[in-house]
Amino acid sequence: MTNNHEAHTPSGNHEAHTPSGNHEAHTPSGGRSTGPSGNADPSRITLRGPAELADALPYMFGFHPTDSVVLVAVHGEGGRFGGRLRVGIPPTPEEWEDTARQVADCLIVGSERRGAKPDGIIVFLCQDPGRGESAQRVMTRLRPLAQRIRLACGALDVPVLEALCLSAGRYWSYCCPDQRCCPAEGTALTVPGTSVMAAAATFAGLRVRGSLREIERRLTPLRGPVAGEMERALDRAATALVPKILDGATREEVGAETVLLARALMQRMTLAPPAEAGPDADDRDDALLGHDEAASLILGLQDREIRDIAAEWMEGEEAAPALRLWRALARRCVGAYGEHAAAPLTLAGWVCWSTGDEPTARIALGLALRADDGYRFAQLLHHACNEGIDPEGLRECLREERRRREPRRGRLPAGPRRGTTRPPGRRIRTTRRESGRTAGSEQ
């Protein structure tokens, strides 16, 4: 398992109890006295059986955790949900043993460190079929992984209460041998949006932001001929910019130009709002950026003082165009410049976290660490977001820094200290961990 985490701290937003096989879930609502399904308390609903439990899974994360192993800790006689952990399914079975031990240890020991060792674990394996593969075949293929996780949890004296495989709109139980309730062909999941959990989530103002794969797609590099054109633009920009960056006399001037360019591109996006969210909106944003100006801005953001100034655009009217710009720049970090994506991805994650979209923030910050696992700003934000820290403290620090700099009207602080910024050209890493998976823990 990699150390690129998206984590959530447990709150009253997602709790459940499991008396006699039923599950009572809590959603954050107000003090009203009635709610979906006639519950007296609208923040508490009853989930009956694994289908409704599986339907509740996306609301725990804010997205559908595709290609993921998910573990949920269960506490107390009533079965209150506690910490949650998500990690990408390892691509090869040879990795399953280590992954099972690591996820079990991470969730159980982490929960114990926070004061409550789980009384049980619920496991979900979420993966849609590949080309030429059936959903039932996915379930069979992943069974050894489920068994390894059960053994790893049992070795830590915590039983797996249920283990489900979710694939192509169906689910299977790895724990129930009864064909009457768990047939070999699987059982259809509840139609999205029609379950008790969906009704309660809507009532409470929760929403699911698509699938993990869809969110990641908005942040991953472009492909095809446009990627080659973009890489050549980055080469040109690096050739022109590196000598200026290394020359202390012009570094402040380059920084000022970078900030002015970023503001101009944000203004351009503000004047051309997307018609709708998703790929079409991203295509429109991509068309608003020329290769050369995108390359100049990507390389300029490698200067950490410039990046910190860009981080100030995290609220109010600046937040939306800034997020669109950072996403677009992350998509332009192609080829040998993939590591440069850490800066725009971290900025995208910061804007999302600052504006209340924690699920997307965790994904963006995880991708930033996948691009550059030593990127300190992403590490700090990721940890803070995982621990449930209020982002207002950092927002206020950035506001104060902006107020301090404002009398200088466009002048930037003196250039960064020697050694704080790497040259922005092509980078070749001598060693790199396998990065095909994004991990996430919720404790």
Protein backbone atom coordinates (compact mmCIF):
# COMPACT_ATOMS: atom_id res chain seq x y z
CA MET A 1 0.00 0.00 0.00
CA THR A 2 1.31 3.43 -0.85
CA ASN A 3 1.34 6.32 1.60
CA ASN A 4 -0.88 8.51 -0.58
CA HIS A 5 -3.88 8.81 1.71
CA GLU A 6 -7.34 10.29 1.53
CA ALA A 7 -8.63 10.07 5.02
CA HIS A 8 -11.68 11.12 6.94
CA THR A 9 -12.15 11.41 10.66
CA PRO A 10 -15.35 9.80 11.90
CA SER A 11 -18.08 12.18 12.87
CA GLY A 12 -21.78 12.09 13.47
CA ASN A 13 -22.23 12.32 9.74
CA HIS A 14 -21.78 8.61 9.09
CA GLU A 15 -22.51 6.26 11.93
CA ALA A 16 -24.44 3.04 11.95
CA HIS A 17 -25.66 0.46 14.42
CA THR A 18 -26.23 -3.18 13.63
CA PRO A 19 -28.81 -4.71 15.97
CA SER A 20 -29.90 -8.14 14.76
CA GLY A 21 -28.45 -7.63 11.33
CA ASN A 22 -30.08 -4.26 10.73
CA HIS A 23 -28.07 -1.07 10.41
CA GLU A 24 -28.98 2.32 11.82
CA ALA A 25 -27.15 5.12 10.07
CA HIS A 26 -26.90 8.75 11.12
CA THR A 27 -26.80 11.70 8.75
CA PRO A 28 -26.13 15.33 9.68
CA SER A 29 -29.47 17.04 9.83
CA GLY A 30 -31.12 19.66 11.93
CA GLY A 31 -33.35 19.20 14.92
CA ARG A 32 -36.51 18.21 13.10
CA SER A 33 -38.68 15.52 14.59
CA THR A 34 -39.53 13.49 11.50
CA GLY A 35 -37.56 12.15 8.59
CA PRO A 36 -37.40 9.56 5.80
CA SER A 37 -39.13 6.25 6.41
CA GLY A 38 -40.96 7.65 9.39
CA ASN A 39 -37.97 7.74 11.71
CA ALA A 40 -38.56 9.95 14.68
CA ASP A 41 -35.04 11.29 14.35
CA PRO A 42 -34.20 12.20 10.73
CA SER A 43 -30.50 11.81 11.45
CA ARG A 44 -31.01 8.08 12.13
CA ILE A 45 -32.18 5.54 9.60
CA THR A 46 -32.33 1.75 9.53
CA LEU A 47 -30.41 -0.10 6.83
CA ARG A 48 -31.80 -3.60 6.40
CA GLY A 49 -29.33 -6.04 4.97
CA PRO A 50 -26.18 -5.84 2.86
CA ALA A 51 -27.84 -4.21 -0.16
CA GLU A 52 -28.75 -1.09 1.82
CA LEU A 53 -25.39 -1.19 3.56
CA ALA A 54 -23.68 -1.22 0.16
CA ASP A 55 -25.92 1.61 -1.00
CA ALA A 56 -24.77 3.69 1.97
CA LEU A 57 -21.10 3.26 1.05
CA PRO A 58 -20.82 6.22 -1.39
CA TYR A 59 -22.31 8.56 1.22
CA MET A 60 -19.53 7.66 3.64
CA PHE A 61 -16.93 8.90 1.16
CA GLY A 62 -18.82 11.38 -0.99
CA PHE A 63 -18.10 9.33 -4.14
CA HIS A 64 -18.38 5.77 -5.44
CA PRO A 65 -15.10 4.08 -4.43
CA THR A 66 -14.34 2.27 -7.69
CA ASP A 67 -11.41 -0.20 -7.84
CA SER A 68 -11.15 -0.02 -4.07
CA VAL A 69 -10.80 -2.06 -0.93
CA VAL A 70 -12.89 -0.42 1.79
CA LEU A 71 -12.81 -1.31 5.48
CA VAL A 72 -15.27 0.13 7.99
CA ALA A 73 -14.77 -0.24 11.73
CA VAL A 74 -17.75 -1.22 13.87
CA HIS A 75 -17.91 -0.37 17.59
CA GLY A 76 -20.08 -1.35 20.53
CA GLU A 77 -23.04 -3.65 21.00
CA GLY A 78 -25.11 -1.57 18.63
CA GLY A 79 -22.47 -1.62 15.90
CA ARG A 80 -21.67 2.09 15.55
CA PHE A 81 -19.60 2.87 12.49
CA GLY A 82 -16.21 4.36 13.27
CA GLY A 83 -13.09 4.74 11.16
CA ARG A 84 -13.08 3.97 7.46
CA LEU A 85 -10.22 3.12 5.14
CA ARG A 86 -9.98 2.97 1.36
CA VAL A 87 -7.08 1.70 -0.71
CA GLY A 88 -6.87 0.87 -4.39
CA ILE A 89 -7.10 -2.82 -5.21
CA PRO A 90 -3.54 -4.02 -5.93
CA PRO A 91 -3.18 -4.98 -9.60
CA THR A 92 -1.41 -8.28 -8.91
CA PRO A 93 -2.34 -11.04 -6.43
CA GLU A 94 1.27 -11.13 -5.24
CA GLU A 95 0.59 -7.84 -3.42
CA TRP A 96 -2.60 -8.95 -1.71
CA GLU A 97 -0.99 -10.51 1.37
CA ASP A 98 0.96 -7.36 2.27
CA THR A 99 -1.99 -5.10 1.43
CA ALA A 100 -4.33 -7.13 3.65
CA ARG A 101 -1.95 -6.88 6.61
CA GLN A 102 -1.38 -3.17 6.08
CA VAL A 103 -5.04 -2.15 5.77
CA ALA A 104 -6.04 -4.23 8.78
CA ASP A 105 -3.21 -2.80 10.86
CA CYS A 106 -3.86 0.77 9.67
CA LEU A 107 -7.56 0.75 10.53
CA ILE A 108 -7.47 -1.30 13.73
CA VAL A 109 -4.35 0.23 15.27
CA GLY A 110 -5.40 3.70 14.14
CA SER A 111 -8.81 3.28 15.75
CA GLU A 112 -7.20 1.95 18.91
CA ARG A 113 -4.85 4.94 18.99
CA ARG A 114 -7.90 7.19 18.94
CA GLY A 115 -9.29 5.39 21.96
CA ALA A 116 -11.54 2.60 20.70
CA LYS A 117 -10.44 -0.70 19.19
CA PRO A 118 -13.11 -1.91 16.75
CA ASP A 119 -15.36 -4.78 17.77
CA GLY A 120 -15.70 -5.80 14.14
CA ILE A 121 -14.90 -4.86 10.55
CA ILE A 122 -17.04 -4.66 7.44
CA VAL A 123 -15.15 -5.14 4.16
CA PHE A 124 -16.15 -4.01 0.68
CA LEU A 125 -14.31 -4.96 -2.52
CA CYS A 126 -15.49 -2.62 -5.29
CA GLN A 127 -14.44 -3.31 -8.86
CA ASP A 128 -16.30 -3.38 -12.16
CA PRO A 129 -15.54 -6.09 -14.75
CA GLY A 130 -12.70 -5.65 -17.20
CA ARG A 131 -12.95 -6.35 -20.91
CA GLY A 132 -14.44 -9.79 -21.49
CA GLU A 133 -14.99 -10.37 -17.75
CA SER A 134 -18.27 -10.91 -15.93
CA ALA A 135 -19.18 -9.44 -12.57
CA GLN A 136 -19.39 -12.93 -11.11
CA ARG A 137 -15.86 -13.58 -12.33
CA VAL A 138 -14.71 -10.40 -10.54
CA MET A 139 -16.22 -11.75 -7.32
CA THR A 140 -14.46 -15.09 -7.75
CA ARG A 141 -11.14 -13.48 -8.65
CA LEU A 142 -11.19 -11.22 -5.58
CA ARG A 143 -12.25 -13.92 -3.11
CA PRO A 144 -8.63 -14.69 -2.05
CA LEU A 145 -8.12 -10.99 -1.28
CA ALA A 146 -11.24 -10.97 0.90
CA GLN A 147 -10.00 -14.09 2.69
CA ARG A 148 -6.58 -12.53 3.34
CA ILE A 149 -8.22 -9.43 4.83
CA ARG A 150 -10.40 -11.60 7.07
CA LEU A 151 -7.33 -13.48 8.31
CA ALA A 152 -5.36 -10.26 8.84
CA CYS A 153 -8.16 -8.72 10.91
CA GLY A 154 -8.60 -11.96 12.85
CA ALA A 155 -4.87 -11.98 13.66
CA LEU A 156 -5.46 -8.63 15.39
CA ASP A 157 -8.43 -10.10 17.32
CA VAL A 158 -11.04 -8.20 15.34
CA PRO A 159 -13.53 -10.30 13.35
CA VAL A 160 -14.81 -9.40 9.88
CA LEU A 161 -18.59 -9.27 10.32
CA GLU A 162 -19.35 -9.03 6.62
CA ALA A 163 -17.34 -8.94 3.40
CA LEU A 164 -19.09 -7.86 0.23
CA CYS A 165 -18.02 -7.69 -3.40
CA LEU A 166 -19.68 -4.90 -5.40
CA SER A 167 -19.44 -5.17 -9.17
CA ALA A 168 -21.60 -4.01 -12.09
CA GLY A 169 -24.58 -3.10 -9.93
CA ARG A 170 -24.64 -6.40 -8.01
CA TYR A 171 -23.24 -7.63 -4.72
CA TRP A 172 -22.06 -10.92 -3.28
CA SER A 173 -21.31 -11.87 0.31
CA TYR A 174 -18.07 -13.69 1.05
CA CYS A 175 -19.36 -14.57 4.52
CA CYS A 176 -22.83 -15.97 3.86
CA PRO A 177 -23.03 -19.49 2.36
CA ASP A 178 -26.84 -19.48 2.15
CA GLN A 179 -27.88 -19.57 -1.51
CA ARG A 180 -31.40 -18.49 -0.58
CA CYS A 181 -30.27 -14.98 0.40
CA CYS A 182 -26.92 -14.85 -1.38
CA PRO A 183 -27.30 -16.60 -4.75
CA ALA A 184 -24.30 -17.46 -6.90
CA GLU A 185 -25.32 -14.91 -9.55
CA GLY A 186 -25.32 -12.15 -6.95
CA THR A 187 -28.06 -9.75 -5.91
CA ALA A 188 -28.93 -6.47 -7.60
CA LEU A 189 -28.09 -3.36 -5.67
CA THR A 190 -30.78 -0.84 -4.88
CA VAL A 191 -31.52 1.47 -7.79
CA PRO A 192 -29.41 4.60 -7.15
CA GLY A 193 -31.35 7.35 -5.44
CA THR A 194 -34.25 5.16 -4.30
CA SER A 195 -32.96 3.73 -1.03
CA VAL A 196 -33.65 4.83 2.52
CA MET A 197 -30.06 6.05 2.74
CA ALA A 198 -30.39 8.11 -0.44
CA ALA A 199 -33.55 9.73 0.89
CA ALA A 200 -31.91 10.51 4.22
CA ALA A 201 -28.79 11.86 2.52
CA THR A 202 -30.88 14.14 0.32
CA PHE A 203 -32.80 15.29 3.38
CA ALA A 204 -29.49 16.04 5.13
CA GLY A 205 -27.95 17.84 2.15
CA LEU A 206 -25.33 15.16 1.37
CA ARG A 207 -24.44 14.34 -2.21
CA VAL A 208 -22.31 11.83 -4.06
CA ARG A 209 -19.83 13.42 -6.50
CA GLY A 210 -19.74 10.60 -9.05
CA SER A 211 -17.17 7.83 -8.94
CA LEU A 212 -13.55 7.92 -7.88
CA ARG A 213 -12.58 7.18 -11.47
CA GLU A 214 -14.61 10.12 -12.78
CA ILE A 215 -13.12 12.56 -10.27
CA GLU A 216 -9.58 11.38 -10.99
CA ARG A 217 -10.16 11.69 -14.73
CA ARG A 218 -10.70 15.43 -14.34
CA LEU A 219 -7.24 15.74 -12.79
CA THR A 220 -5.11 13.39 -14.87
CA PRO A 221 -2.88 14.35 -17.82
CA LEU A 222 -4.21 14.75 -21.33
CA ARG A 223 -3.38 12.10 -23.90
CA GLY A 224 -2.97 11.85 -27.65
CA PRO A 225 -1.52 14.44 -30.02
CA VAL A 226 -2.41 17.32 -27.71
CA ALA A 227 -0.15 15.81 -25.05
CA GLY A 228 2.80 15.87 -27.44
CA GLU A 229 2.13 19.50 -28.32
CA MET A 230 1.90 20.39 -24.64
CA GLU A 231 5.15 18.64 -23.77
CA ARG A 232 6.97 20.55 -26.50
CA ALA A 233 5.52 23.80 -25.10
CA LEU A 234 6.82 22.84 -21.66
CA ASP A 235 10.24 22.17 -23.14
CA ARG A 236 10.27 25.61 -24.75
CA ALA A 237 9.12 27.31 -21.56
CA ALA A 238 11.71 25.50 -19.45
CA THR A 239 14.50 26.49 -21.83
CA ALA A 240 13.50 30.13 -21.58
CA LEU A 241 12.59 30.20 -17.88
CA VAL A 242 15.30 28.25 -16.09
CA PRO A 243 18.07 30.82 -16.71
CA LYS A 244 15.80 33.56 -15.36
CA ILE A 245 14.83 31.54 -12.29
CA LEU A 246 18.47 30.82 -11.48
CA ASP A 247 19.35 34.49 -11.85
CA GLY A 248 18.40 36.16 -8.57
CA ALA A 249 18.17 39.57 -10.26
CA THR A 250 15.22 38.50 -12.39
CA ARG A 251 13.54 35.95 -10.15
CA GLU A 252 11.15 38.43 -8.54
CA GLU A 253 10.22 39.76 -11.97
CA VAL A 254 9.45 36.24 -13.21
CA GLY A 255 7.30 35.67 -10.12
CA ALA A 256 5.32 38.83 -10.72
CA GLU A 257 4.74 37.81 -14.33
CA THR A 258 3.53 34.38 -13.20
CA VAL A 259 1.01 35.87 -10.77
CA LEU A 260 -0.28 38.32 -13.38
CA LEU A 261 -0.66 35.47 -15.90
CA ALA A 262 -2.55 33.35 -13.39
CA ARG A 263 -4.91 36.22 -12.60
CA ALA A 264 -5.48 36.85 -16.32
CA LEU A 265 -6.36 33.19 -16.92
CA MET A 266 -8.70 33.14 -13.93
CA GLN A 267 -10.43 36.21 -15.33
CA ARG A 268 -10.73 34.48 -18.68
CA MET A 269 -12.44 31.53 -17.05
CA THR A 270 -14.72 33.79 -15.04
CA LEU A 271 -15.92 35.39 -18.28
CA ALA A 272 -16.53 31.97 -19.86
CA PRO A 273 -18.33 29.95 -17.19
CA PRO A 274 -18.80 26.24 -18.00
CA ALA A 275 -22.24 25.20 -19.18
CA GLU A 276 -22.18 22.21 -16.84
CA ALA A 277 -19.84 20.18 -14.69
CA GLY A 278 -17.93 17.19 -16.00
CA PRO A 279 -15.91 16.37 -19.13
CA ASP A 280 -17.65 18.92 -21.35
CA ALA A 281 -16.82 21.70 -18.91
CA ASP A 282 -13.23 20.49 -18.71
CA ASP A 283 -12.93 20.44 -22.50
CA ARG A 284 -14.15 24.01 -22.58
CA ASP A 285 -11.64 25.06 -19.93
CA ASP A 286 -8.84 23.31 -21.80
CA ALA A 287 -9.73 25.26 -24.93
CA LEU A 288 -9.37 28.53 -22.99
CA LEU A 289 -5.67 27.92 -22.31
CA GLY A 290 -2.93 28.15 -24.89
CA HIS A 291 -0.12 25.62 -24.60
CA ASP A 292 2.58 28.23 -24.10
CA GLU A 293 0.79 30.21 -21.41
CA ALA A 294 -0.19 27.01 -19.60
CA ALA A 295 3.45 25.86 -19.75
CA SER A 296 4.71 29.16 -18.37
CA LEU A 297 2.28 29.03 -15.48
CA ILE A 298 3.00 25.36 -14.67
CA LEU A 299 6.70 26.07 -14.47
CA GLY A 300 6.19 29.31 -12.55
CA LEU A 301 4.18 27.46 -9.89
CA GLN A 302 7.23 25.32 -9.15
CA ASP A 303 8.47 28.37 -7.22
CA ARG A 304 7.02 27.77 -3.78
CA GLU A 305 6.53 31.43 -2.91
CA ILE A 306 4.50 31.89 -6.08
CA ARG A 307 2.51 28.77 -5.26
CA ASP A 308 1.83 30.11 -1.77
CA ILE A 309 0.49 33.35 -3.25
CA ALA A 310 -1.74 31.28 -5.55
CA ALA A 311 -3.02 29.42 -2.49
CA GLU A 312 -4.57 32.68 -1.29
CA TRP A 313 -7.27 32.37 -3.97
CA MET A 314 -9.23 29.84 -1.95
CA GLU A 315 -12.55 31.51 -1.13
CA GLY A 316 -15.21 33.89 -2.35
CA GLU A 317 -15.43 34.72 -6.05
CA GLU A 318 -11.84 33.63 -6.65
CA ALA A 319 -12.31 30.02 -5.58
CA ALA A 320 -14.30 28.67 -8.54
CA PRO A 321 -12.12 30.06 -11.37
CA ALA A 322 -8.98 29.15 -9.41
CA LEU A 323 -10.13 25.55 -9.07
CA ARG A 324 -10.91 25.37 -12.79
CA LEU A 325 -7.47 26.75 -13.60
CA TRP A 326 -5.61 24.34 -11.28
CA ARG A 327 -7.50 21.37 -12.72
CA ALA A 328 -6.71 22.48 -16.26
CA LEU A 329 -3.02 22.92 -15.43
CA ALA A 330 -2.86 19.49 -13.77
CA ARG A 331 -4.19 17.99 -17.00
CA ARG A 332 -1.38 19.76 -18.91
CA CYS A 333 1.43 18.18 -16.86
CA VAL A 334 2.20 15.53 -19.47
CA GLY A 335 5.07 13.23 -20.28
CA ALA A 336 8.33 14.04 -18.50
CA TYR A 337 6.57 16.86 -16.64
CA GLY A 338 4.22 14.62 -14.67
CA GLU A 339 5.90 15.50 -11.38
CA HIS A 340 5.12 19.18 -11.97
CA ALA A 341 1.44 18.33 -11.43
CA ALA A 342 2.05 18.24 -7.66
CA ALA A 343 1.72 22.04 -7.47
CA PRO A 344 -1.60 22.52 -9.34
CA LEU A 345 -3.05 19.33 -7.83
CA THR A 346 -2.21 20.53 -4.33
CA LEU A 347 -3.75 23.92 -5.06
CA ALA A 348 -6.87 22.19 -6.43
CA GLY A 349 -7.08 20.05 -3.30
CA TRP A 350 -6.66 23.11 -1.10
CA VAL A 351 -9.46 25.04 -2.84
CA CYS A 352 -11.76 22.02 -2.57
CA TRP A 353 -11.01 21.57 1.13
CA SER A 354 -11.34 25.29 1.81
CA THR A 355 -14.76 25.39 0.11
CA GLY A 356 -16.11 22.29 1.87
CA ASP A 357 -15.59 19.59 -0.76
CA GLU A 358 -13.47 17.26 1.38
CA PRO A 359 -13.96 14.10 -0.75
CA THR A 360 -12.54 15.76 -3.86
CA ALA A 361 -9.83 17.44 -1.79
CA ARG A 362 -8.56 14.09 -0.56
CA ILE A 363 -8.50 12.68 -4.07
CA ALA A 364 -6.62 15.69 -5.48
CA LEU A 365 -4.09 15.67 -2.65
CA GLY A 366 -3.61 11.93 -3.04
CA LEU A 367 -2.88 12.44 -6.74
CA ALA A 368 -0.43 15.22 -5.86
CA LEU A 369 1.46 12.79 -3.66
CA ARG A 370 1.33 10.20 -6.41
CA ALA A 371 2.96 12.75 -8.72
CA ASP A 372 5.59 13.69 -6.13
CA ASP A 373 5.47 11.79 -2.86
CA GLY A 374 7.91 14.23 -1.27
CA TYR A 375 5.86 17.36 -1.99
CA ARG A 376 5.68 18.89 1.47
CA PHE A 377 2.70 21.19 0.96
CA ALA A 378 0.57 18.26 -0.23
CA GLN A 379 1.75 16.14 2.69
CA LEU A 380 0.77 18.79 5.22
CA LEU A 381 -2.64 19.48 3.68
CA HIS A 382 -3.36 15.79 3.25
CA HIS A 383 -2.57 15.07 6.89
CA ALA A 384 -4.62 18.03 8.10
CA CYS A 385 -7.61 17.07 5.96
CA ASN A 386 -7.34 13.44 7.10
CA GLU A 387 -7.29 14.47 10.74
CA GLY A 388 -10.41 16.60 10.37
CA ILE A 389 -8.64 19.86 11.16
CA ASP A 390 -10.66 23.00 10.42
CA PRO A 391 -9.10 24.74 7.36
CA GLU A 392 -10.05 28.16 8.74
CA GLY A 393 -6.72 28.45 10.57
CA LEU A 394 -4.77 28.18 7.32
CA ARG A 395 -7.23 30.45 5.52
CA GLU A 396 -6.66 33.16 8.12
CA CYS A 397 -2.87 32.81 7.81
CA LEU A 398 -3.15 33.27 4.05
CA ARG A 399 -5.47 36.25 4.46
CA GLU A 400 -3.00 37.88 6.82
CA GLU A 401 -0.11 37.28 4.43
CA ARG A 402 -2.16 38.85 1.66
CA ARG A 403 -2.93 41.89 3.80
CA ARG A 404 0.75 42.22 4.66
CA ARG A 405 1.74 42.20 1.02
CA GLU A 406 -1.09 44.38 -0.30
CA PRO A 407 0.56 47.80 0.28
CA ARG A 408 3.26 46.72 -2.14
CA ARG A 409 0.62 46.50 -4.91
CA GLY A 410 1.79 43.68 -7.09
CA ARG A 411 5.37 43.46 -5.82
CA LEU A 412 6.22 40.02 -4.57
CA PRO A 413 8.34 39.21 -1.55
CA ALA A 414 12.03 38.72 -2.16
CA GLY A 415 12.92 35.57 -4.04
CA PRO A 416 12.81 32.27 -2.18
CA ARG A 417 15.81 31.27 -0.15
CA ARG A 418 18.38 29.18 -1.96
CA GLY A 419 17.38 25.54 -2.08
CA THR A 420 13.63 26.01 -1.55
CA THR A 421 12.69 25.68 -5.22
CA ARG A 422 13.86 23.13 -7.73
CA PRO A 423 14.56 24.12 -11.33
CA PRO A 424 11.36 23.61 -13.32
CA GLY A 425 12.71 21.61 -16.28
CA ARG A 426 12.35 17.92 -17.08
CA ARG A 427 12.91 15.65 -14.12
CA ILE A 428 13.94 12.02 -14.15
CA ARG A 429 13.47 10.21 -10.86
CA THR A 430 16.02 7.53 -10.05
CA THR A 431 13.64 5.60 -7.83
CA ARG A 432 9.89 5.64 -7.59
CA ARG A 433 7.38 3.55 -5.72
CA GLU A 434 4.65 1.79 -7.62
CA SER A 435 1.99 4.46 -8.06
CA GLY A 436 -0.89 2.71 -9.72
CA ARG A 437 -3.05 2.89 -6.61
CA THR A 438 -4.47 5.63 -4.48
CA ALA A 439 -4.88 4.77 -0.84
CA GLY A 440 -7.26 6.28 1.62
CA SER A 441 -7.89 5.84 5.32
CA GLU A 442 -10.73 7.22 7.34
CA GLN A 443 -10.17 7.07 11.04
